[in-house]
N, C-alpha and C. Protein backbone atom coordinates (compact mmCIF):
# COMPACT_ATOMS: atom_id res chain seq x y z
N MET A 1 -19.09 4.43 14.30
CA MET A 1 -17.65 4.29 14.07
C MET A 1 -17.30 2.81 13.96
N SER A 2 -16.37 2.47 13.05
CA SER A 2 -16.01 1.07 12.83
C SER A 2 -15.23 0.52 14.02
N ARG A 3 -15.42 -0.77 14.26
CA ARG A 3 -14.68 -1.45 15.32
C ARG A 3 -13.21 -1.58 14.93
N ILE A 4 -12.31 -1.23 15.82
CA ILE A 4 -10.88 -1.31 15.57
C ILE A 4 -10.31 -2.46 16.39
N VAL A 5 -9.71 -3.42 15.70
CA VAL A 5 -9.18 -4.61 16.35
C VAL A 5 -7.67 -4.64 16.21
N LEU A 6 -6.96 -4.78 17.30
CA LEU A 6 -5.51 -4.88 17.28
C LEU A 6 -5.09 -6.25 17.81
N PRO A 7 -4.24 -6.98 17.05
CA PRO A 7 -3.78 -8.27 17.55
C PRO A 7 -2.71 -8.10 18.62
N ALA A 8 -2.28 -9.20 19.19
CA ALA A 8 -1.28 -9.17 20.24
C ALA A 8 0.02 -8.56 19.72
N ARG A 9 0.74 -7.87 20.59
CA ARG A 9 2.00 -7.20 20.21
C ARG A 9 2.99 -8.19 19.60
N ALA A 10 3.01 -9.44 20.08
CA ALA A 10 3.98 -10.42 19.60
C ALA A 10 3.76 -10.78 18.14
N ALA A 11 2.57 -10.48 17.59
CA ALA A 11 2.26 -10.84 16.21
C ALA A 11 2.87 -9.86 15.21
N ILE A 12 3.43 -8.76 15.67
CA ILE A 12 3.92 -7.72 14.76
C ILE A 12 5.38 -8.01 14.39
N PRO A 13 5.67 -8.19 13.10
CA PRO A 13 7.05 -8.48 12.69
C PRO A 13 7.94 -7.26 12.80
N ASP A 14 9.22 -7.50 13.07
CA ASP A 14 10.18 -6.40 13.12
C ASP A 14 10.80 -6.19 11.74
N ARG A 15 11.75 -5.26 11.68
CA ARG A 15 12.36 -4.90 10.40
C ARG A 15 13.01 -6.11 9.72
N ALA A 16 13.76 -6.89 10.47
CA ALA A 16 14.45 -8.04 9.88
C ALA A 16 13.45 -9.08 9.37
N ALA A 17 12.38 -9.31 10.13
CA ALA A 17 11.38 -10.30 9.71
C ALA A 17 10.67 -9.86 8.45
N ILE A 18 10.35 -8.56 8.35
CA ILE A 18 9.68 -8.07 7.14
C ILE A 18 10.60 -8.23 5.93
N ALA A 19 11.86 -7.85 6.07
CA ALA A 19 12.80 -7.98 4.96
C ALA A 19 12.96 -9.43 4.53
N GLN A 20 13.02 -10.34 5.50
CA GLN A 20 13.19 -11.76 5.21
C GLN A 20 11.99 -12.31 4.44
N ARG A 21 10.77 -11.96 4.87
CA ARG A 21 9.59 -12.45 4.19
C ARG A 21 9.45 -11.87 2.79
N LEU A 22 9.82 -10.62 2.61
CA LEU A 22 9.76 -10.00 1.29
C LEU A 22 10.75 -10.67 0.33
N ALA A 23 11.92 -11.00 0.84
CA ALA A 23 12.94 -11.65 0.00
C ALA A 23 12.49 -13.03 -0.45
N ALA A 24 11.64 -13.67 0.36
CA ALA A 24 11.19 -15.03 0.06
C ALA A 24 9.79 -15.06 -0.53
N ALA A 25 9.28 -13.92 -0.97
CA ALA A 25 7.89 -13.83 -1.42
C ALA A 25 7.61 -14.78 -2.58
N PRO A 26 6.48 -15.48 -2.53
CA PRO A 26 6.11 -16.38 -3.63
C PRO A 26 5.52 -15.62 -4.80
N ARG A 27 5.14 -16.35 -5.85
CA ARG A 27 4.48 -15.73 -6.99
C ARG A 27 3.17 -15.10 -6.55
N LEU A 28 2.76 -14.05 -7.27
CA LEU A 28 1.55 -13.33 -6.93
C LEU A 28 0.35 -14.26 -6.88
N GLU A 29 0.28 -15.22 -7.81
CA GLU A 29 -0.88 -16.11 -7.88
C GLU A 29 -1.05 -16.95 -6.61
N GLU A 30 0.04 -17.16 -5.88
CA GLU A 30 -0.04 -17.95 -4.66
C GLU A 30 -0.54 -17.12 -3.48
N LEU A 31 -0.58 -15.80 -3.65
CA LEU A 31 -0.98 -14.92 -2.56
C LEU A 31 -2.42 -14.45 -2.67
N LEU A 32 -3.00 -14.50 -3.88
CA LEU A 32 -4.31 -13.92 -4.11
C LEU A 32 -5.39 -14.98 -4.19
N THR A 33 -6.61 -14.57 -3.91
CA THR A 33 -7.75 -15.45 -4.11
C THR A 33 -8.06 -15.54 -5.60
N ALA A 34 -8.95 -16.44 -5.97
CA ALA A 34 -9.32 -16.60 -7.38
C ALA A 34 -9.90 -15.31 -7.95
N ASP A 35 -10.71 -14.60 -7.16
CA ASP A 35 -11.28 -13.33 -7.62
C ASP A 35 -10.19 -12.30 -7.86
N ASP A 36 -9.21 -12.24 -6.95
CA ASP A 36 -8.11 -11.29 -7.11
C ASP A 36 -7.31 -11.59 -8.38
N VAL A 37 -7.01 -12.85 -8.61
CA VAL A 37 -6.22 -13.25 -9.78
C VAL A 37 -6.97 -12.91 -11.06
N GLU A 38 -8.28 -13.19 -11.10
CA GLU A 38 -9.07 -12.88 -12.30
C GLU A 38 -9.06 -11.39 -12.60
N ARG A 39 -9.19 -10.58 -11.57
CA ARG A 39 -9.20 -9.14 -11.76
C ARG A 39 -7.86 -8.65 -12.31
N GLN A 40 -6.78 -9.12 -11.74
CA GLN A 40 -5.46 -8.70 -12.20
C GLN A 40 -5.20 -9.15 -13.64
N GLN A 41 -5.67 -10.33 -14.00
CA GLN A 41 -5.49 -10.81 -15.37
C GLN A 41 -6.29 -9.98 -16.37
N LEU A 42 -7.51 -9.59 -16.01
CA LEU A 42 -8.32 -8.75 -16.89
C LEU A 42 -7.67 -7.39 -17.11
N LEU A 43 -7.16 -6.80 -16.05
CA LEU A 43 -6.55 -5.49 -16.15
C LEU A 43 -5.22 -5.53 -16.90
N ALA A 44 -4.56 -6.69 -16.90
CA ALA A 44 -3.25 -6.80 -17.54
C ALA A 44 -3.34 -6.72 -19.06
N ALA A 45 -4.55 -6.81 -19.62
CA ALA A 45 -4.69 -6.77 -21.07
C ALA A 45 -4.34 -5.40 -21.64
N ALA A 46 -4.49 -4.33 -20.87
CA ALA A 46 -4.20 -2.98 -21.35
C ALA A 46 -2.72 -2.65 -21.14
N PRO A 47 -2.12 -1.85 -22.07
CA PRO A 47 -0.73 -1.43 -21.86
C PRO A 47 -0.59 -0.69 -20.55
N PRO A 48 0.33 -1.09 -19.68
CA PRO A 48 0.41 -0.49 -18.35
C PRO A 48 1.16 0.83 -18.33
N LYS A 49 0.79 1.68 -17.38
CA LYS A 49 1.54 2.89 -17.06
C LYS A 49 2.31 2.59 -15.77
N PRO A 50 3.64 2.52 -15.82
CA PRO A 50 4.39 2.13 -14.61
C PRO A 50 4.32 3.20 -13.52
N ALA A 51 4.17 2.74 -12.30
CA ALA A 51 4.12 3.63 -11.14
C ALA A 51 4.69 2.86 -9.95
N ALA A 52 4.93 3.59 -8.87
CA ALA A 52 5.42 2.98 -7.64
C ALA A 52 4.89 3.75 -6.45
N VAL A 53 4.69 3.05 -5.35
CA VAL A 53 4.27 3.67 -4.10
C VAL A 53 5.18 3.21 -2.97
N LEU A 54 5.17 3.97 -1.89
CA LEU A 54 5.99 3.64 -0.72
C LEU A 54 5.08 3.22 0.42
N LEU A 55 5.17 1.93 0.78
CA LEU A 55 4.51 1.41 1.97
C LEU A 55 5.52 1.54 3.10
N LEU A 56 5.40 2.62 3.86
CA LEU A 56 6.41 2.96 4.86
C LEU A 56 5.97 2.56 6.26
N VAL A 57 6.76 1.70 6.91
CA VAL A 57 6.53 1.31 8.30
C VAL A 57 7.41 2.20 9.18
N VAL A 58 6.78 2.91 10.11
CA VAL A 58 7.51 3.77 11.05
C VAL A 58 7.61 3.05 12.38
N ASN A 59 8.81 2.94 12.89
CA ASN A 59 9.09 2.11 14.07
C ASN A 59 8.79 2.85 15.37
N HIS A 60 7.52 3.18 15.58
CA HIS A 60 7.09 3.68 16.88
C HIS A 60 7.08 2.51 17.87
N ALA A 61 6.75 2.81 19.13
CA ALA A 61 6.55 1.73 20.10
C ALA A 61 5.51 0.74 19.57
N GLU A 62 4.49 1.26 18.89
CA GLU A 62 3.55 0.44 18.12
C GLU A 62 3.75 0.82 16.66
N PRO A 63 4.45 0.00 15.85
CA PRO A 63 4.75 0.38 14.47
C PRO A 63 3.49 0.76 13.71
N ALA A 64 3.66 1.71 12.77
CA ALA A 64 2.52 2.22 12.01
C ALA A 64 2.92 2.42 10.56
N VAL A 65 1.91 2.51 9.69
CA VAL A 65 2.12 2.71 8.26
C VAL A 65 1.59 4.08 7.87
N VAL A 66 2.30 4.76 6.96
CA VAL A 66 1.97 6.13 6.56
C VAL A 66 1.03 6.11 5.35
N PHE A 67 -0.03 6.93 5.44
CA PHE A 67 -0.99 7.09 4.35
C PHE A 67 -1.20 8.56 4.03
N THR A 68 -1.71 8.82 2.83
CA THR A 68 -2.14 10.16 2.47
C THR A 68 -3.60 10.14 2.07
N GLN A 69 -4.26 11.26 2.31
CA GLN A 69 -5.61 11.49 1.76
C GLN A 69 -5.42 12.43 0.58
N ARG A 70 -5.76 11.94 -0.63
CA ARG A 70 -5.53 12.72 -1.82
C ARG A 70 -6.55 13.84 -1.95
N THR A 71 -6.15 14.93 -2.61
CA THR A 71 -7.07 16.04 -2.83
C THR A 71 -8.16 15.63 -3.82
N THR A 72 -9.26 16.35 -3.80
CA THR A 72 -10.44 15.93 -4.55
C THR A 72 -10.41 16.32 -6.03
N HIS A 73 -9.43 17.13 -6.44
CA HIS A 73 -9.42 17.59 -7.84
C HIS A 73 -8.45 16.80 -8.72
N LEU A 74 -7.77 15.80 -8.18
CA LEU A 74 -6.80 15.05 -8.97
C LEU A 74 -7.50 14.19 -10.02
N PRO A 75 -6.86 13.94 -11.18
CA PRO A 75 -7.52 13.18 -12.26
C PRO A 75 -7.71 11.71 -11.94
N ASP A 76 -6.83 11.11 -11.14
CA ASP A 76 -6.93 9.69 -10.80
C ASP A 76 -7.02 9.53 -9.29
N HIS A 77 -7.98 8.70 -8.85
CA HIS A 77 -8.14 8.34 -7.43
C HIS A 77 -8.32 9.57 -6.53
N ALA A 78 -9.05 10.55 -7.03
CA ALA A 78 -9.26 11.79 -6.28
C ALA A 78 -9.95 11.51 -4.95
N GLY A 79 -9.44 12.14 -3.89
CA GLY A 79 -10.05 12.03 -2.58
C GLY A 79 -9.82 10.73 -1.85
N GLN A 80 -9.15 9.78 -2.49
CA GLN A 80 -8.97 8.47 -1.88
C GLN A 80 -7.76 8.45 -0.93
N ILE A 81 -7.74 7.43 -0.10
CA ILE A 81 -6.59 7.17 0.76
C ILE A 81 -5.60 6.31 -0.02
N SER A 82 -4.34 6.68 0.04
CA SER A 82 -3.32 5.97 -0.73
C SER A 82 -1.99 6.02 -0.01
N PHE A 83 -1.03 5.27 -0.54
CA PHE A 83 0.36 5.42 -0.12
C PHE A 83 0.97 6.58 -0.91
N PRO A 84 2.01 7.24 -0.38
CA PRO A 84 2.74 8.19 -1.21
C PRO A 84 3.28 7.49 -2.45
N GLY A 85 3.17 8.13 -3.60
CA GLY A 85 3.67 7.49 -4.82
C GLY A 85 3.07 8.10 -6.06
N GLY A 86 3.47 7.57 -7.21
CA GLY A 86 2.96 8.09 -8.47
C GLY A 86 3.67 7.47 -9.66
N ARG A 87 3.49 8.10 -10.80
CA ARG A 87 4.05 7.60 -12.05
C ARG A 87 5.57 7.59 -12.03
N CYS A 88 6.14 6.62 -12.75
CA CYS A 88 7.59 6.58 -12.94
C CYS A 88 7.98 7.63 -13.97
N ASP A 89 8.97 8.44 -13.65
CA ASP A 89 9.54 9.39 -14.61
C ASP A 89 10.62 8.72 -15.43
N ALA A 90 10.90 9.29 -16.60
CA ALA A 90 11.93 8.73 -17.47
C ALA A 90 13.29 8.72 -16.77
N GLU A 91 13.50 9.67 -15.84
CA GLU A 91 14.79 9.77 -15.15
C GLU A 91 14.92 8.76 -14.02
N ASP A 92 13.83 8.15 -13.61
CA ASP A 92 13.88 7.17 -12.51
C ASP A 92 14.53 5.88 -12.99
N CYS A 93 15.45 5.38 -12.20
CA CYS A 93 16.18 4.16 -12.57
C CYS A 93 15.51 2.90 -12.04
N SER A 94 14.57 3.04 -11.09
CA SER A 94 13.98 1.87 -10.47
C SER A 94 12.69 2.28 -9.77
N PRO A 95 11.80 1.32 -9.45
CA PRO A 95 10.61 1.65 -8.65
C PRO A 95 10.97 2.25 -7.30
N GLU A 96 12.09 1.81 -6.71
CA GLU A 96 12.51 2.37 -5.42
C GLU A 96 12.78 3.87 -5.56
N GLU A 97 13.44 4.25 -6.66
CA GLU A 97 13.73 5.67 -6.87
C GLU A 97 12.45 6.46 -7.08
N THR A 98 11.50 5.88 -7.82
CA THR A 98 10.21 6.53 -8.03
C THR A 98 9.48 6.73 -6.71
N ALA A 99 9.40 5.66 -5.90
CA ALA A 99 8.66 5.73 -4.65
C ALA A 99 9.25 6.77 -3.70
N LEU A 100 10.57 6.79 -3.59
CA LEU A 100 11.22 7.75 -2.68
C LEU A 100 11.09 9.18 -3.21
N ARG A 101 11.22 9.35 -4.52
CA ARG A 101 11.07 10.70 -5.11
C ARG A 101 9.65 11.22 -4.88
N GLU A 102 8.66 10.36 -5.16
CA GLU A 102 7.27 10.78 -5.01
C GLU A 102 6.94 11.07 -3.54
N ALA A 103 7.48 10.27 -2.64
CA ALA A 103 7.23 10.52 -1.22
C ALA A 103 7.83 11.86 -0.79
N TYR A 104 8.98 12.20 -1.35
CA TYR A 104 9.58 13.50 -1.04
C TYR A 104 8.72 14.64 -1.61
N GLU A 105 8.24 14.46 -2.85
CA GLU A 105 7.44 15.51 -3.48
C GLU A 105 6.07 15.66 -2.83
N GLU A 106 5.46 14.55 -2.42
CA GLU A 106 4.09 14.60 -1.90
C GLU A 106 4.03 14.95 -0.42
N ILE A 107 4.91 14.37 0.39
CA ILE A 107 4.80 14.57 1.84
C ILE A 107 6.08 15.12 2.46
N GLY A 108 7.08 15.45 1.64
CA GLY A 108 8.30 16.05 2.15
C GLY A 108 9.18 15.10 2.93
N LEU A 109 9.05 13.80 2.68
CA LEU A 109 9.83 12.80 3.43
C LEU A 109 11.25 12.73 2.89
N ASP A 110 12.23 12.92 3.75
CA ASP A 110 13.63 12.85 3.37
C ASP A 110 13.98 11.41 2.97
N PRO A 111 14.40 11.16 1.72
CA PRO A 111 14.70 9.79 1.29
C PRO A 111 15.79 9.12 2.13
N SER A 112 16.70 9.92 2.68
CA SER A 112 17.79 9.33 3.47
C SER A 112 17.28 8.71 4.77
N ARG A 113 16.04 9.02 5.17
CA ARG A 113 15.49 8.46 6.41
C ARG A 113 14.86 7.09 6.20
N VAL A 114 14.78 6.65 4.93
CA VAL A 114 14.06 5.42 4.62
C VAL A 114 15.03 4.29 4.29
N GLN A 115 14.87 3.16 4.94
CA GLN A 115 15.59 1.95 4.57
C GLN A 115 14.64 1.07 3.77
N VAL A 116 14.98 0.81 2.51
CA VAL A 116 14.14 -0.02 1.66
C VAL A 116 14.32 -1.49 2.05
N LEU A 117 13.21 -2.18 2.33
CA LEU A 117 13.25 -3.57 2.76
C LEU A 117 12.93 -4.55 1.63
N GLY A 118 12.28 -4.08 0.58
CA GLY A 118 11.93 -4.97 -0.52
C GLY A 118 10.70 -4.46 -1.26
N ARG A 119 10.14 -5.32 -2.09
CA ARG A 119 8.97 -4.97 -2.89
C ARG A 119 7.85 -5.98 -2.67
N LEU A 120 6.62 -5.53 -2.91
CA LEU A 120 5.49 -6.43 -3.06
C LEU A 120 5.30 -6.69 -4.55
N PRO A 121 4.54 -7.72 -4.93
CA PRO A 121 4.25 -7.96 -6.34
C PRO A 121 3.55 -6.75 -6.97
N ASP A 122 3.78 -6.53 -8.26
CA ASP A 122 3.12 -5.44 -8.96
C ASP A 122 1.61 -5.59 -8.86
N TYR A 123 0.93 -4.44 -8.81
CA TYR A 123 -0.52 -4.42 -8.67
C TYR A 123 -1.11 -3.60 -9.81
N ARG A 124 -2.04 -4.19 -10.56
CA ARG A 124 -2.71 -3.49 -11.66
C ARG A 124 -3.94 -2.76 -11.13
N THR A 125 -4.12 -1.52 -11.57
CA THR A 125 -5.29 -0.74 -11.15
C THR A 125 -6.25 -0.57 -12.32
N SER A 126 -7.49 -0.25 -11.99
CA SER A 126 -8.51 -0.05 -13.03
C SER A 126 -8.26 1.21 -13.85
N THR A 127 -7.37 2.08 -13.38
CA THR A 127 -7.03 3.29 -14.13
C THR A 127 -5.81 3.07 -15.03
N GLY A 128 -5.36 1.84 -15.17
CA GLY A 128 -4.33 1.52 -16.15
C GLY A 128 -2.91 1.54 -15.65
N TYR A 129 -2.72 1.61 -14.36
CA TYR A 129 -1.35 1.63 -13.81
C TYR A 129 -0.90 0.24 -13.38
N LYS A 130 0.39 -0.01 -13.57
CA LYS A 130 1.04 -1.18 -12.97
C LYS A 130 1.92 -0.64 -11.85
N VAL A 131 1.45 -0.84 -10.62
CA VAL A 131 2.06 -0.20 -9.46
C VAL A 131 2.99 -1.19 -8.75
N THR A 132 4.22 -0.75 -8.51
CA THR A 132 5.15 -1.54 -7.70
C THR A 132 5.16 -0.98 -6.28
N PRO A 133 4.66 -1.72 -5.30
CA PRO A 133 4.73 -1.24 -3.92
C PRO A 133 6.11 -1.52 -3.33
N VAL A 134 6.78 -0.48 -2.92
CA VAL A 134 8.10 -0.57 -2.30
C VAL A 134 7.91 -0.45 -0.79
N VAL A 135 8.43 -1.41 -0.05
CA VAL A 135 8.28 -1.41 1.41
C VAL A 135 9.50 -0.78 2.04
N GLY A 136 9.26 0.23 2.86
CA GLY A 136 10.36 0.92 3.54
C GLY A 136 10.18 0.92 5.05
N TRP A 137 11.26 1.24 5.73
CA TRP A 137 11.29 1.29 7.21
C TRP A 137 11.94 2.59 7.62
N ALA A 138 11.39 3.26 8.63
CA ALA A 138 11.97 4.51 9.10
C ALA A 138 11.86 4.59 10.61
N GLU A 139 12.86 5.21 11.21
CA GLU A 139 12.85 5.44 12.65
C GLU A 139 12.29 6.84 12.92
N PRO A 140 11.43 6.97 13.92
CA PRO A 140 10.91 8.30 14.27
C PRO A 140 11.96 9.10 15.03
N PRO A 141 11.76 10.43 15.13
CA PRO A 141 10.63 11.18 14.58
C PRO A 141 10.85 11.53 13.12
N LEU A 142 9.75 11.68 12.38
CA LEU A 142 9.79 12.10 10.99
C LEU A 142 9.04 13.42 10.85
N GLU A 143 9.48 14.23 9.88
CA GLU A 143 8.78 15.48 9.57
C GLU A 143 8.10 15.33 8.22
N TYR A 144 6.82 15.71 8.15
CA TYR A 144 6.07 15.66 6.91
C TYR A 144 5.71 17.08 6.49
N HIS A 145 5.80 17.34 5.18
CA HIS A 145 5.44 18.62 4.61
C HIS A 145 4.60 18.35 3.36
N PRO A 146 3.27 18.24 3.51
CA PRO A 146 2.43 17.84 2.39
C PRO A 146 2.38 18.87 1.27
N ASP A 147 2.35 18.37 0.03
CA ASP A 147 2.11 19.21 -1.13
C ASP A 147 0.61 19.51 -1.18
N PRO A 148 0.19 20.76 -1.02
CA PRO A 148 -1.25 21.05 -0.93
C PRO A 148 -2.00 20.77 -2.21
N HIS A 149 -1.31 20.67 -3.34
CA HIS A 149 -1.98 20.35 -4.60
C HIS A 149 -2.43 18.89 -4.64
N GLU A 150 -1.64 18.00 -4.01
CA GLU A 150 -1.92 16.57 -4.11
C GLU A 150 -2.43 15.94 -2.82
N VAL A 151 -2.07 16.51 -1.67
CA VAL A 151 -2.32 15.83 -0.39
C VAL A 151 -3.15 16.71 0.53
N ASP A 152 -4.30 16.18 0.93
CA ASP A 152 -5.14 16.86 1.91
C ASP A 152 -4.70 16.57 3.34
N ASP A 153 -4.20 15.34 3.56
CA ASP A 153 -3.86 14.95 4.93
C ASP A 153 -2.84 13.82 4.89
N ILE A 154 -2.04 13.73 5.94
CA ILE A 154 -1.10 12.63 6.16
C ILE A 154 -1.43 12.03 7.52
N PHE A 155 -1.54 10.72 7.58
CA PHE A 155 -1.86 10.08 8.84
C PHE A 155 -1.22 8.69 8.88
N GLU A 156 -1.19 8.09 10.06
CA GLU A 156 -0.62 6.77 10.25
C GLU A 156 -1.67 5.82 10.83
N VAL A 157 -1.56 4.55 10.45
CA VAL A 157 -2.44 3.50 10.96
C VAL A 157 -1.57 2.42 11.57
N PRO A 158 -1.89 1.92 12.75
CA PRO A 158 -1.07 0.87 13.37
C PRO A 158 -0.90 -0.34 12.45
N LEU A 159 0.32 -0.81 12.33
CA LEU A 159 0.59 -2.00 11.52
C LEU A 159 -0.21 -3.18 12.04
N ALA A 160 -0.39 -3.26 13.35
CA ALA A 160 -1.16 -4.36 13.93
C ALA A 160 -2.57 -4.42 13.36
N PHE A 161 -3.20 -3.27 13.21
CA PHE A 161 -4.55 -3.22 12.65
C PHE A 161 -4.55 -3.71 11.21
N LEU A 162 -3.59 -3.29 10.41
CA LEU A 162 -3.55 -3.62 8.99
C LEU A 162 -3.25 -5.09 8.75
N LEU A 163 -2.53 -5.74 9.67
CA LEU A 163 -2.18 -7.14 9.50
C LEU A 163 -3.22 -8.09 10.08
N ASP A 164 -4.20 -7.55 10.77
CA ASP A 164 -5.24 -8.39 11.37
C ASP A 164 -6.31 -8.68 10.31
N THR A 165 -6.46 -9.93 9.91
CA THR A 165 -7.41 -10.28 8.85
C THR A 165 -8.87 -10.02 9.26
N HIS A 166 -9.15 -9.87 10.54
CA HIS A 166 -10.49 -9.51 10.97
C HIS A 166 -10.89 -8.13 10.44
N ASN A 167 -9.90 -7.33 10.10
CA ASN A 167 -10.16 -5.98 9.60
C ASN A 167 -10.16 -5.89 8.07
N HIS A 168 -10.02 -7.03 7.39
CA HIS A 168 -10.02 -7.06 5.92
C HIS A 168 -11.41 -7.45 5.44
N ARG A 169 -12.06 -6.56 4.71
CA ARG A 169 -13.39 -6.83 4.20
C ARG A 169 -13.37 -6.85 2.68
N GLN A 170 -14.05 -7.82 2.08
CA GLN A 170 -14.20 -7.83 0.62
C GLN A 170 -15.60 -7.34 0.28
N GLU A 171 -15.67 -6.25 -0.48
CA GLU A 171 -16.93 -5.64 -0.84
C GLU A 171 -17.08 -5.66 -2.35
N SER A 172 -18.24 -5.24 -2.83
CA SER A 172 -18.48 -5.23 -4.27
C SER A 172 -19.35 -4.05 -4.66
N ALA A 173 -19.20 -3.62 -5.91
CA ALA A 173 -20.00 -2.52 -6.45
C ALA A 173 -19.98 -2.63 -7.97
N PHE A 174 -21.01 -2.07 -8.62
CA PHE A 174 -21.03 -2.05 -10.08
C PHE A 174 -20.20 -0.89 -10.59
N HIS A 175 -19.34 -1.20 -11.58
CA HIS A 175 -18.50 -0.18 -12.20
C HIS A 175 -18.47 -0.46 -13.70
N ASN A 176 -18.93 0.52 -14.49
CA ASN A 176 -19.01 0.35 -15.94
C ASN A 176 -19.80 -0.91 -16.33
N GLY A 177 -20.90 -1.13 -15.62
CA GLY A 177 -21.77 -2.23 -15.95
C GLY A 177 -21.31 -3.60 -15.48
N ARG A 178 -20.24 -3.66 -14.72
CA ARG A 178 -19.69 -4.94 -14.26
C ARG A 178 -19.56 -4.92 -12.75
N LEU A 179 -19.94 -6.04 -12.13
CA LEU A 179 -19.80 -6.13 -10.68
C LEU A 179 -18.34 -6.37 -10.34
N ARG A 180 -17.76 -5.44 -9.60
CA ARG A 180 -16.35 -5.53 -9.22
C ARG A 180 -16.24 -5.76 -7.72
N LYS A 181 -15.32 -6.64 -7.34
CA LYS A 181 -15.02 -6.87 -5.93
C LYS A 181 -13.75 -6.11 -5.57
N TYR A 182 -13.70 -5.64 -4.36
CA TYR A 182 -12.52 -4.92 -3.91
C TYR A 182 -12.36 -5.10 -2.41
N TRP A 183 -11.12 -4.89 -1.94
CA TRP A 183 -10.82 -5.00 -0.52
C TRP A 183 -11.04 -3.65 0.17
N ALA A 184 -11.43 -3.70 1.42
CA ALA A 184 -11.61 -2.49 2.21
C ALA A 184 -11.16 -2.75 3.64
N MET A 185 -10.61 -1.71 4.27
CA MET A 185 -10.17 -1.79 5.66
C MET A 185 -10.59 -0.50 6.38
N PRO A 186 -11.85 -0.39 6.77
CA PRO A 186 -12.27 0.82 7.49
C PRO A 186 -11.51 0.97 8.80
N PHE A 187 -11.04 2.18 9.06
CA PHE A 187 -10.29 2.46 10.29
C PHE A 187 -10.85 3.73 10.90
N GLY A 188 -11.72 3.57 11.90
CA GLY A 188 -12.37 4.74 12.45
C GLY A 188 -13.17 5.45 11.37
N GLU A 189 -12.88 6.74 11.18
CA GLU A 189 -13.56 7.52 10.15
C GLU A 189 -12.88 7.40 8.79
N ARG A 190 -11.77 6.70 8.73
CA ARG A 190 -11.04 6.53 7.46
C ARG A 190 -11.54 5.28 6.74
N PHE A 191 -11.55 5.34 5.40
CA PHE A 191 -11.98 4.18 4.61
C PHE A 191 -10.88 3.86 3.61
N ILE A 192 -10.06 2.88 3.97
CA ILE A 192 -8.98 2.41 3.09
C ILE A 192 -9.55 1.32 2.19
N TRP A 193 -9.46 1.49 0.88
CA TRP A 193 -10.09 0.51 0.00
C TRP A 193 -9.36 0.49 -1.35
N GLY A 194 -9.86 -0.39 -2.23
CA GLY A 194 -9.33 -0.44 -3.60
C GLY A 194 -7.90 -0.95 -3.65
N ALA A 195 -7.10 -0.31 -4.52
CA ALA A 195 -5.73 -0.77 -4.74
C ALA A 195 -4.90 -0.73 -3.46
N THR A 196 -5.06 0.32 -2.66
CA THR A 196 -4.28 0.43 -1.43
C THR A 196 -4.58 -0.72 -0.48
N ALA A 197 -5.86 -1.01 -0.29
CA ALA A 197 -6.23 -2.14 0.57
C ALA A 197 -5.78 -3.47 -0.03
N GLY A 198 -5.87 -3.58 -1.36
CA GLY A 198 -5.42 -4.82 -2.01
C GLY A 198 -3.94 -5.08 -1.79
N MET A 199 -3.13 -4.03 -1.86
CA MET A 199 -1.69 -4.18 -1.61
C MET A 199 -1.45 -4.59 -0.16
N LEU A 200 -2.23 -4.04 0.76
CA LEU A 200 -2.07 -4.39 2.17
C LEU A 200 -2.45 -5.84 2.44
N VAL A 201 -3.47 -6.34 1.74
CA VAL A 201 -3.83 -7.75 1.87
C VAL A 201 -2.67 -8.63 1.42
N THR A 202 -2.06 -8.28 0.29
CA THR A 202 -0.89 -9.03 -0.19
C THR A 202 0.25 -8.95 0.82
N PHE A 203 0.48 -7.78 1.38
CA PHE A 203 1.53 -7.59 2.40
C PHE A 203 1.28 -8.51 3.58
N GLN A 204 0.03 -8.55 4.06
CA GLN A 204 -0.29 -9.41 5.19
C GLN A 204 -0.04 -10.88 4.86
N ARG A 205 -0.42 -11.30 3.65
CA ARG A 205 -0.25 -12.70 3.28
C ARG A 205 1.22 -13.10 3.17
N ILE A 206 2.05 -12.17 2.76
CA ILE A 206 3.49 -12.44 2.70
C ILE A 206 4.07 -12.57 4.12
N LEU A 207 3.61 -11.71 5.01
CA LEU A 207 4.16 -11.70 6.36
C LEU A 207 3.56 -12.74 7.28
N ALA A 208 2.42 -13.30 6.89
CA ALA A 208 1.71 -14.23 7.77
C ALA A 208 2.55 -15.46 8.07
N PRO A 209 2.54 -15.92 9.31
CA PRO A 209 3.26 -17.16 9.64
C PRO A 209 2.75 -18.30 8.78
N GLY A 210 3.66 -19.07 8.22
CA GLY A 210 3.27 -20.19 7.38
C GLY A 210 2.97 -19.81 5.95
N ALA A 211 3.19 -18.53 5.57
CA ALA A 211 2.95 -18.13 4.18
C ALA A 211 3.93 -18.87 3.28
N PRO A 212 3.52 -19.24 2.05
CA PRO A 212 4.41 -19.96 1.16
C PRO A 212 5.64 -19.15 0.81
N ALA A 213 6.78 -19.78 0.75
CA ALA A 213 8.03 -19.07 0.45
C ALA A 213 8.72 -19.72 -0.71
């Protein structure tokens, strides 16, 4: 089992601090490493499919972030761990509307329970999506009702664990004949990686003390 490291309680930002850092977020290039920037630039060459996800912080005594385990038969990112979210519909007026609609459809989360705090920079995926991560805040208790077609499981991971850079690993693998690097954050028996982990790395860099504003 992977080692789980939690930083001191004082290191965890509250709702106001998260909103403040998101409002002052720098350009994406200032948040990513050279490898991250190169990857995003390569993927940007293809026409994007707009999508949005909800990075939801639940204000437990120890704040946590909500994740889903996708079902294995889906056409994109089957079986992977992700945030609730999906493609933007023509009727959606904003990424926030997409993220809240998808969260309601996938996990039954009542949109009225979510306070939107801001956005992370758009993230390009290898499957052709330009994903806008919308950061939300919710007070417990929450009720989840997963869509069995899309969601195998719903679980939460402590925000402290996700913000601790000791838990951020950069790994690599060959994909379509090219060596690709990606972020991973193993949590017990869960393996958070790829786009989801990449967005969390960006989230941590925005919230980190001394991050460029």
